[in-house]
Amino acid sequence: GTSYDCIFDFIENNQDKFDNINGVIILTDGYCDYPPIEKTNGLPVLWIYTTPNNKPPFGKSATLDADEFEDE
């Protein structure tokens, strides 16, 4: 599994290097350990899944159908 804590740690530790962070987009297969919502410091999170039927504990989500991008 994957842990996403490092994403939010990086943002927190480097906020002074960015002009404006409006949210976080995470591309994932959904097999992960989700951080607690407090870890996001109020940033909106969009989870883009490469596998179907995922429900994140917070944020918005969408599923990317990789078959749509295959050459015919």
C-alpha atoms as a PDB file:
ATOM      1  CA  GLY A   1       0.000   0.000   0.000  1.00  0.00           C
ATOM      2  CA  THR A   2       0.894   3.654  -0.320  1.00  0.00           C
ATOM      3  CA  SER A   3       0.807   6.451   2.225  1.00  0.00           C
ATOM      4  CA  TYR A   4       0.067  10.001   1.122  1.00  0.00           C
ATOM      5  CA  ASP A   5       1.233  11.724   4.288  1.00  0.00           C
ATOM      6  CA  CYS A   6       4.449  12.769   2.521  1.00  0.00           C
ATOM      7  CA  ILE A   7       2.483  14.916   0.035  1.00  0.00           C
ATOM      8  CA  PHE A   8       0.944  16.985   2.783  1.00  0.00           C
ATOM      9  CA  ASP A   9       4.195  17.070   4.759  1.00  0.00           C
ATOM     10  CA  PHE A  10       5.958  18.454   1.680  1.00  0.00           C
ATOM     11  CA  ILE A  11       3.333  21.155   1.189  1.00  0.00           C
ATOM     12  CA  GLU A  12       3.442  22.164   4.839  1.00  0.00           C
ATOM     13  CA  ASN A  13       7.236  22.262   4.914  1.00  0.00           C
ATOM     14  CA  ASN A  14       7.547  24.212   1.647  1.00  0.00           C
ATOM     15  CA  GLN A  15       4.604  26.632   1.679  1.00  0.00           C
ATOM     16  CA  ASP A  16       6.973  29.595   1.535  1.00  0.00           C
ATOM     17  CA  LYS A  17       8.243  28.404  -1.885  1.00  0.00           C
ATOM     18  CA  PHE A  18       4.823  28.569  -3.551  1.00  0.00           C
ATOM     19  CA  ASP A  19       2.752  31.645  -4.367  1.00  0.00           C
ATOM     20  CA  ASN A  20      -0.629  30.000  -4.005  1.00  0.00           C
ATOM     21  CA  ILE A  21      -1.692  26.401  -3.487  1.00  0.00           C
ATOM     22  CA  ASN A  22      -5.379  25.946  -4.342  1.00  0.00           C
ATOM     23  CA  GLY A  23      -5.650  22.192  -3.910  1.00  0.00           C
ATOM     24  CA  VAL A  24      -4.050  18.796  -4.399  1.00  0.00           C
ATOM     25  CA  ILE A  25      -4.675  16.297  -7.196  1.00  0.00           C
ATOM     26  CA  ILE A  26      -3.607  12.723  -6.486  1.00  0.00           C
ATOM     27  CA  LEU A  27      -3.489  10.044  -9.193  1.00  0.00           C
ATOM     28  CA  THR A  28      -3.745   6.636  -7.537  1.00  0.00           C
ATOM     29  CA  ASP A  29      -4.933   3.068  -7.852  1.00  0.00           C
ATOM     30  CA  GLY A  30      -6.701   3.497  -4.514  1.00  0.00           C
ATOM     31  CA  TYR A  31      -4.636   0.975  -2.600  1.00  0.00           C
ATOM     32  CA  CYS A  32      -3.361   3.343   0.038  1.00  0.00           C
ATOM     33  CA  ASP A  33      -3.362   4.437   3.625  1.00  0.00           C
ATOM     34  CA  TYR A  34      -5.311   7.683   3.647  1.00  0.00           C
ATOM     35  CA  PRO A  35      -4.058  10.465   5.873  1.00  0.00           C
ATOM     36  CA  PRO A  36      -6.431  12.010   8.389  1.00  0.00           C
ATOM     37  CA  ILE A  37      -8.302  14.986   6.931  1.00  0.00           C
ATOM     38  CA  GLU A  38      -6.514  17.262   9.418  1.00  0.00           C
ATOM     39  CA  LYS A  39      -3.276  16.536   7.535  1.00  0.00           C
ATOM     40  CA  THR A  40      -4.612  18.475   4.510  1.00  0.00           C
ATOM     41  CA  ASN A  41      -4.717  21.770   6.461  1.00  0.00           C
ATOM     42  CA  GLY A  42      -7.963  22.599   4.698  1.00  0.00           C
ATOM     43  CA  LEU A  43      -6.671  22.119   1.142  1.00  0.00           C
ATOM     44  CA  PRO A  44      -9.237  20.592  -1.239  1.00  0.00           C
ATOM     45  CA  VAL A  45      -8.187  17.165  -2.503  1.00  0.00           C
ATOM     46  CA  LEU A  46      -9.181  15.555  -5.809  1.00  0.00           C
ATOM     47  CA  TRP A  47      -8.487  11.831  -5.985  1.00  0.00           C
ATOM     48  CA  ILE A  48      -8.172  10.491  -9.555  1.00  0.00           C
ATOM     49  CA  TYR A  49      -8.433   6.708  -9.446  1.00  0.00           C
ATOM     50  CA  THR A  50      -7.127   4.268 -12.036  1.00  0.00           C
ATOM     51  CA  THR A  51      -9.330   1.529 -10.605  1.00  0.00           C
ATOM     52  CA  PRO A  52     -13.143   1.565 -10.246  1.00  0.00           C
ATOM     53  CA  ASN A  53     -15.348   1.745  -7.164  1.00  0.00           C
ATOM     54  CA  ASN A  54     -13.186   3.815  -4.831  1.00  0.00           C
ATOM     55  CA  LYS A  55     -14.609   6.074  -2.131  1.00  0.00           C
ATOM     56  CA  PRO A  56     -12.095   8.371  -0.440  1.00  0.00           C
ATOM     57  CA  PRO A  57     -12.746   9.357   3.176  1.00  0.00           C
ATOM     58  CA  PHE A  58     -12.635  13.061   2.156  1.00  0.00           C
ATOM     59  CA  GLY A  59     -12.332  15.232  -0.923  1.00  0.00           C
ATOM     60  CA  LYS A  60     -13.773  14.680  -4.368  1.00  0.00           C
ATOM     61  CA  SER A  61     -13.009  11.755  -6.648  1.00  0.00           C
ATOM     62  CA  ALA A  62     -13.157  10.635 -10.258  1.00  0.00           C
ATOM     63  CA  THR A  63     -12.122   7.487 -12.096  1.00  0.00           C
ATOM     64  CA  LEU A  64      -9.796   7.567 -15.082  1.00  0.00           C
ATOM     65  CA  ASP A  65     -10.662   4.895 -17.637  1.00  0.00           C
ATOM     66  CA  ALA A  66      -7.294   4.015 -19.173  1.00  0.00           C
ATOM     67  CA  ASP A  67      -9.038   2.112 -21.972  1.00  0.00           C
ATOM     68  CA  GLU A  68     -10.260   5.456 -23.328  1.00  0.00           C
ATOM     69  CA  PHE A  69      -6.656   6.379 -24.125  1.00  0.00           C
ATOM     70  CA  GLU A  70      -5.546   3.218 -25.921  1.00  0.00           C
ATOM     71  CA  ASP A  71      -4.816   3.403 -29.651  1.00  0.00           C
ATOM     72  CA  GLU A  72      -7.197   1.414 -31.756  1.00  0.00           C
END
